[in-house]
Protein backbone atom coordinates (compact mmCIF):
# COMPACT_ATOMS: atom_id res chain seq x y z
CA MET A 1 77.80 74.52 78.40
CA SER A 2 80.09 71.69 77.13
CA PRO A 3 82.64 70.42 79.70
CA ARG A 4 86.25 71.52 79.42
CA VAL A 5 88.18 68.38 78.36
CA GLY A 6 92.01 67.95 78.47
CA LEU A 7 93.94 65.61 76.45
CA TYR A 8 97.48 64.29 77.59
CA ASP A 9 99.93 63.12 75.22
CA ASP A 10 103.72 63.32 74.77
CA PRO A 11 106.25 62.08 72.01
CA LEU A 12 108.16 60.29 74.82
CA PHE A 13 105.35 57.75 75.33
CA ARG A 14 106.15 56.56 71.89
CA ARG A 15 109.80 55.82 72.71
CA HIS A 16 109.08 53.44 75.34
CA ASP A 17 110.30 50.21 73.87
CA ALA A 18 108.19 47.11 75.18
CA GLY A 19 110.25 44.86 72.91
CA PRO A 20 110.21 43.72 69.23
CA GLY A 21 106.77 42.53 67.95
CA HIS A 22 105.10 43.54 71.15
CA PRO A 23 101.52 44.37 70.91
CA GLU A 24 101.96 47.26 73.36
CA ARG A 25 103.47 49.38 70.63
CA PRO A 26 103.77 53.07 69.79
CA GLN A 27 101.33 52.98 67.03
CA ARG A 28 98.59 52.45 69.62
CA LEU A 29 98.75 56.37 70.47
CA ASP A 30 98.82 57.12 66.73
CA ALA A 31 95.75 55.30 66.07
CA PHE A 32 93.94 56.98 68.99
CA ARG A 33 95.01 60.40 67.80
CA ARG A 34 93.97 59.52 64.44
CA GLY A 35 90.56 58.41 65.58
CA LEU A 36 90.16 62.02 67.32
CA ALA A 37 91.38 63.84 64.17
CA GLU A 38 89.06 61.94 61.72
CA SER A 39 86.03 62.50 64.07
CA GLY A 40 86.67 66.21 64.27
CA GLN A 41 87.39 66.34 67.93
CA GLU A 42 91.10 67.23 68.29
CA ASP A 43 90.59 70.99 68.01
CA LEU A 44 87.86 70.77 70.73
CA LEU A 45 90.32 69.52 73.43
CA GLU A 46 93.02 71.28 75.42
CA LEU A 47 96.16 69.63 74.54
CA LEU A 48 98.44 69.30 77.66
CA GLU A 49 101.96 68.31 78.15
CA PRO A 50 102.42 65.76 81.04
CA ARG A 51 104.75 66.38 83.88
CA GLU A 52 106.77 63.87 85.63
CA ALA A 53 105.58 62.23 88.92
CA THR A 54 107.54 62.94 91.79
CA ARG A 55 109.04 60.21 93.99
CA ASP A 56 106.70 61.31 96.82
CA GLU A 57 103.82 60.62 94.55
CA LEU A 58 105.06 57.16 93.46
CA VAL A 59 105.86 55.92 96.91
CA ARG A 60 102.34 56.47 98.10
CA VAL A 61 101.22 53.28 95.99
CA HIS A 62 104.69 51.52 95.20
CA THR A 63 107.41 50.41 97.43
CA PRO A 64 110.82 52.48 97.35
CA ALA A 65 112.56 49.22 96.05
CA HIS A 66 110.14 49.06 93.23
CA VAL A 67 110.70 52.91 92.29
CA GLU A 68 114.47 52.14 92.36
CA SER A 69 114.14 49.18 90.29
CA ILE A 70 112.63 51.22 87.46
CA GLU A 71 114.85 54.15 87.68
CA ALA A 72 117.78 51.51 87.43
CA THR A 73 116.43 50.80 83.79
CA ARG A 74 117.44 54.31 82.51
CA GLY A 75 119.72 53.92 79.37
CA ARG A 76 119.33 50.15 79.12
CA THR A 77 116.89 47.50 78.45
CA VAL A 78 115.60 45.35 81.39
CA ARG A 79 113.01 42.31 81.14
CA PHE A 80 110.69 42.06 84.21
CA ASP A 81 108.97 39.10 83.15
CA PRO A 82 108.21 37.49 79.70
CA ASP A 83 105.70 40.23 78.73
CA THR A 84 107.04 43.19 80.41
CA GLN A 85 110.19 45.23 79.27
CA ALA A 86 111.66 48.52 80.09
CA GLY A 87 113.96 50.00 77.28
CA PRO A 88 116.49 53.05 77.44
CA GLU A 89 113.73 55.62 77.62
CA SER A 90 110.95 53.63 79.30
CA CYS A 91 111.61 54.87 82.83
CA ALA A 92 111.20 58.51 81.55
CA ALA A 93 108.12 57.59 79.81
CA ALA A 94 106.50 55.76 82.85
CA LEU A 95 107.22 58.94 85.12
CA ARG A 96 105.33 61.06 82.57
CA ALA A 97 102.52 58.48 82.18
CA ALA A 98 101.94 58.58 85.97
CA GLY A 99 102.58 62.37 86.10
CA ALA A 100 99.85 62.88 83.31
CA VAL A 101 97.30 61.24 85.68
CA VAL A 102 98.49 63.24 88.59
CA ASP A 103 98.42 66.39 86.72
CA ALA A 104 94.85 65.70 85.49
CA VAL A 105 93.51 65.01 88.90
CA GLU A 106 94.95 68.17 90.17
CA ARG A 107 93.48 70.19 87.20
CA VAL A 108 90.20 68.60 87.46
CA LEU A 109 90.05 69.13 91.20
CA ASP A 110 90.95 72.76 91.14
CA GLY A 111 88.52 73.48 88.34
CA ARG A 112 91.08 74.13 85.59
CA LEU A 113 89.40 71.21 83.79
CA ASP A 114 86.19 69.34 83.97
CA ARG A 115 87.39 65.92 82.53
CA ALA A 116 90.63 64.69 81.08
CA PHE A 117 91.75 61.82 78.89
CA CYS A 118 95.53 60.62 79.41
CA ALA A 119 96.92 58.80 76.23
CA VAL A 120 99.67 57.23 78.03
CA ARG A 121 102.26 54.50 77.61
CA PRO A 122 103.27 52.30 79.40
CA PRO A 123 99.91 51.36 80.88
CA GLY A 124 99.52 50.76 84.62
CA HIS A 125 96.77 48.86 86.06
CA HIS A 126 98.62 45.52 86.47
CA ALA A 127 101.69 47.22 88.22
CA GLU A 128 101.55 46.13 91.88
CA ARG A 129 103.15 47.74 94.84
CA GLY A 130 106.37 46.09 94.33
CA ARG A 131 106.21 44.51 90.90
CA ALA A 132 106.14 45.56 87.27
CA MET A 133 103.98 43.09 85.24
CA GLY A 134 101.55 42.92 82.47
CA PHE A 135 103.10 45.50 80.27
CA CYS A 136 102.89 47.99 83.19
CA LEU A 137 105.72 49.69 85.30
CA TYR A 138 103.86 52.06 87.52
CA ASN A 139 100.41 51.86 88.23
CA ASN A 140 99.30 55.36 86.79
CA VAL A 141 95.66 55.33 87.89
CA ALA A 142 96.47 54.42 91.57
CA VAL A 143 99.11 57.07 91.51
CA GLY A 144 96.54 59.58 90.58
CA ALA A 145 93.93 58.21 93.14
CA ALA A 146 96.51 58.48 96.07
CA ARG A 147 97.20 62.02 94.87
CA ALA A 148 93.40 62.81 95.22
CA LEU A 149 93.26 61.26 98.69
CA ASP A 150 96.30 63.54 99.70
CA GLN A 151 94.20 66.49 98.37
CA GLY A 152 91.62 65.54 101.04
CA LEU A 153 89.21 63.53 99.17
CA ASP A 154 87.76 60.42 100.87
CA ARG A 155 85.59 58.91 98.04
CA VAL A 156 87.29 58.05 94.96
CA LEU A 157 85.74 55.60 92.43
CA ILE A 158 88.07 53.69 89.93
CA LEU A 159 86.28 52.06 86.99
CA ASP A 160 88.17 49.77 84.88
CA PHE A 161 86.85 48.32 81.76
CA ASP A 162 90.03 46.76 80.40
CA VAL A 163 89.54 43.11 79.40
CA HIS A 164 92.20 42.02 81.99
CA HIS A 165 91.47 42.63 85.62
CA GLY A 166 93.45 45.28 87.15
CA ASN A 167 95.26 43.06 89.99
CA GLY A 168 97.54 46.00 90.78
CA THR A 169 94.95 48.39 91.49
CA GLN A 170 92.83 46.05 93.37
CA ALA A 171 95.76 45.07 95.71
CA ILE A 172 96.90 48.45 96.28
CA PHE A 173 93.50 49.63 97.73
CA TRP A 174 92.27 46.14 99.01
CA GLU A 175 91.77 47.44 102.42
CA ASP A 176 90.93 51.15 101.85
CA PRO A 177 87.24 52.16 102.01
CA ARG A 178 88.00 55.59 100.40
CA ILE A 179 88.59 53.95 97.16
CA LEU A 180 85.69 51.97 95.26
CA TYR A 181 87.51 49.79 92.64
CA VAL A 182 84.89 48.32 90.09
CA SER A 183 86.42 46.03 87.30
CA SER A 184 84.70 44.18 84.36
CA HIS A 185 86.98 41.65 82.82
CA GLU A 186 87.09 38.33 81.08
CA TYR A 187 87.49 35.49 83.53
CA PRO A 188 89.28 33.22 83.83
CA PHE A 189 92.11 34.95 82.13
CA TYR A 190 95.27 36.89 82.61
CA PRO A 191 96.36 37.75 85.48
CA GLY A 192 93.97 35.09 87.08
CA THR A 193 92.63 37.50 89.65
CA GLY A 194 89.48 39.18 89.89
CA ALA A 195 86.94 36.56 91.12
CA PRO A 196 83.45 37.86 92.17
CA GLN A 197 83.94 36.66 95.74
CA ASP A 198 87.07 39.12 95.93
CA VAL A 199 85.36 42.02 97.55
CA GLY A 200 88.20 43.53 99.70
CA GLU A 201 89.17 42.98 103.35
CA GLY A 202 88.95 44.85 106.75
CA ARG A 203 87.66 48.35 106.41
CA GLY A 204 87.73 47.88 102.54
CA ARG A 205 85.27 45.02 102.55
CA GLY A 206 82.77 45.62 99.86
CA PHE A 207 84.75 48.33 98.07
CA THR A 208 86.08 45.93 95.50
CA VAL A 209 83.64 44.99 93.00
CA ASN A 210 84.54 42.58 90.32
CA LEU A 211 82.31 41.88 87.29
CA ALA A 212 84.01 38.45 86.02
CA LEU A 213 82.48 37.79 82.52
CA PRO A 214 82.95 34.78 80.07
CA ALA A 215 84.35 35.25 76.61
CA GLY A 216 82.00 36.34 73.97
CA CYS A 217 80.29 39.28 75.85
CA GLY A 218 79.52 42.05 73.27
CA ASP A 219 77.59 45.52 73.32
CA ALA A 220 74.42 44.33 74.90
CA GLU A 221 75.84 42.61 77.90
CA TYR A 222 78.45 45.36 78.48
CA ALA A 223 75.67 48.10 78.23
CA ALA A 224 73.28 46.23 80.57
CA LEU A 225 76.07 45.65 83.32
CA TYR A 226 77.34 49.09 83.42
CA THR A 227 74.13 50.86 83.16
CA GLU A 228 72.04 48.52 85.77
CA VAL A 229 75.02 47.60 88.18
CA VAL A 230 78.07 49.71 87.65
CA ALA A 231 76.11 53.22 87.61
CA PRO A 232 73.92 52.43 90.59
CA ILE A 233 76.71 51.08 92.76
CA GLY A 234 78.68 54.33 91.67
CA ARG A 235 75.79 56.65 92.48
CA SER A 236 75.44 54.93 95.80
CA PHE A 237 79.18 55.68 96.62
CA ASP A 238 78.64 59.26 95.69
CA PRO A 239 82.14 59.86 94.49
CA GLN A 240 84.07 63.08 94.51
CA LEU A 241 86.05 61.93 91.83
CA VAL A 242 86.08 59.26 89.26
CA LEU A 243 89.19 57.71 87.34
CA VAL A 244 88.76 55.34 84.60
CA SER A 245 90.97 52.53 83.39
CA ALA A 246 90.18 52.53 79.73
CA GLY A 247 91.13 49.34 77.84
CA PHE A 248 89.93 48.85 74.37
CA ASP A 249 91.05 45.21 74.41
CA PRO A 250 87.28 43.93 74.82
CA HIS A 251 86.94 45.10 71.16
CA VAL A 252 85.61 42.63 68.92
CA ASP A 253 88.87 42.72 66.64
CA ASP A 254 91.33 42.50 69.43
CA PRO A 255 94.24 39.97 69.08
CA LEU A 256 94.62 39.25 72.71
CA ALA A 257 91.01 38.64 74.12
CA GLY A 258 87.61 37.12 73.10
CA MET A 259 85.18 39.85 73.78
CA ARG A 260 82.84 41.33 71.06
CA VAL A 261 82.39 44.89 71.82
CA THR A 262 82.25 47.48 69.24
CA ALA A 263 83.03 51.24 69.26
CA ALA A 264 79.08 51.89 70.14
CA GLY A 265 79.53 49.49 73.05
CA PHE A 266 82.44 51.49 74.37
CA GLY A 267 80.19 54.56 74.18
CA ALA A 268 77.36 53.11 76.19
CA VAL A 269 80.09 52.07 78.90
CA MET A 270 81.47 55.41 79.06
CA SER A 271 78.02 57.09 79.34
CA ALA A 272 77.33 54.75 82.29
CA CYS A 273 80.65 55.64 83.82
CA LEU A 274 79.71 59.38 83.55
CA GLU A 275 76.27 58.56 85.02
CA ALA A 276 78.26 56.72 87.97
CA ALA A 277 80.31 59.79 88.41
CA GLY A 278 77.40 62.04 89.39
CA THR A 279 79.78 64.85 88.77
CA ARG A 280 82.11 66.60 85.96
CA LYS A 281 85.15 65.34 87.70
CA VAL A 282 86.45 62.49 85.61
CA VAL A 283 89.91 61.43 84.52
CA VAL A 284 90.45 58.71 82.10
CA ALA A 285 93.73 56.71 81.39
CA LEU A 286 94.49 54.61 78.53
CA GLU A 287 95.32 50.87 79.33
CA GLY A 288 95.21 48.09 76.87
CA GLY A 289 93.63 47.71 73.47
CA TYR A 290 95.78 46.15 70.56
CA ASP A 291 93.79 46.55 67.29
CA LEU A 292 94.55 49.82 65.86
CA GLU A 293 91.24 50.53 64.03
CA GLY A 294 89.36 49.43 67.19
CA ILE A 295 91.38 51.76 69.22
CA ALA A 296 90.67 54.77 66.64
CA ALA A 297 86.92 54.25 66.55
CA SER A 298 86.48 53.20 70.32
CA GLY A 299 88.58 56.07 71.44
CA ALA A 300 86.66 58.67 69.43
CA GLU A 301 83.40 57.33 70.74
CA VAL A 302 84.59 57.59 74.34
CA MET A 303 85.73 61.11 73.76
CA ARG A 304 82.40 62.11 72.31
CA ARG A 305 80.91 61.08 75.68
CA LEU A 306 83.52 62.98 77.58
CA ARG A 307 82.71 66.15 75.73
CA GLY A 308 78.99 65.72 76.41
CA GLU A 309 77.73 64.41 73.19
CA PRO A 310 74.78 61.88 73.77
CA ALA A 311 75.43 58.28 73.00
CA ALA A 312 73.08 56.59 70.61
CA GLU A 313 71.06 54.02 72.58
CA LEU A 314 71.82 50.15 71.97
CA SER A 315 68.35 48.94 71.40
CA GLU A 316 69.59 45.25 71.45
CA ARG A 317 68.97 43.19 74.75
CA SER A 318 70.81 40.00 75.59
CA PRO A 319 69.06 37.39 77.57
CA PHE A 320 72.51 36.36 78.84
CA GLY A 321 73.09 40.04 79.67
CA ASP A 322 69.80 40.17 81.68
CA ARG A 323 70.93 37.14 83.65
CA LEU A 324 74.39 38.66 84.29
CA VAL A 325 72.84 41.83 85.74
CA THR A 326 70.28 39.66 87.97
CA HIS A 327 73.18 37.65 89.03
CA TYR A 328 75.50 40.57 90.17
CA ARG A 329 72.78 42.59 91.45
CA ARG A 330 71.91 39.90 93.98
CA LEU A 331 75.74 39.34 94.60
CA PHE A 332 76.52 42.89 95.65
CA ALA A 333 73.14 43.73 97.24
CA SER A 334 74.61 43.16 100.83
CA HIS A 335 77.20 45.81 100.12
CA TRP A 336 75.35 48.31 97.90
CA PRO A 337 71.70 49.51 97.52
CA LEU A 338 70.85 48.18 94.08
CA GLY A 339 66.87 47.56 94.49
């Protein structure tokens, strides 16, 4: 039986104003929805309206002062840094973006859905406990993960394939062994975090896994890493829930990065994420991705995997990808049984 897949979207997300000429623009969501429609998938999904995240849900991962700073932007434009702006309706959009992930987590955990995709703006994985940055106001996936912990879970896997490292997600769960955070990202690159030796501290040591990649990696490298490194680590963790920060900015045509992944490559990555899950309980949240055609095609391919359609196998192998796999399997063998 095909999994029940929910899709969260809201017109309010398109009213978040990141600033004139900003790459994180409303048309990104329109492109994602167009990709679903053109691939004949929209009618196969349960379209759901997000709710707002509550203050209690937000302060599980953000400081009260940070929540107050976002609330203070209502009805006006505030720039937090050169890249990150809140417009008059951005606070409301950010509350629903975080709330979409929380609601998806709740529905997946209580069996109303098997999987969900949250097509949200603003994105979240750069937002730290007390700081908005990198286009992000609240850390949507972190808020959702904290809700899962509050529901009694003690093994939540966060997979992040955005081209930029999710510094906020990493920092929030840096010492928490209940959260395994795995990120693949271009390195060195914005925001400058995510070195392979960064593995967490205290009880959380080993529960941060950073796959730092040079520019130019494509389908073969990503597929090999996710199939032969990420999926085995995920299975070893035996997660009760998997959250995915889905950034489509590793796409070959993305204007902000230097990777070479195609829609087929994203399909292979998503298949490996599902294999890592070992469960039907998966929630995906949109992060980056700034080429509209890339978002449309890649989003459709990821949704096919979420709906249970098999991915076309990528026959191409990359000698460099094989070297990356060998390197990272050796590097993380002291933390995870990788063979």
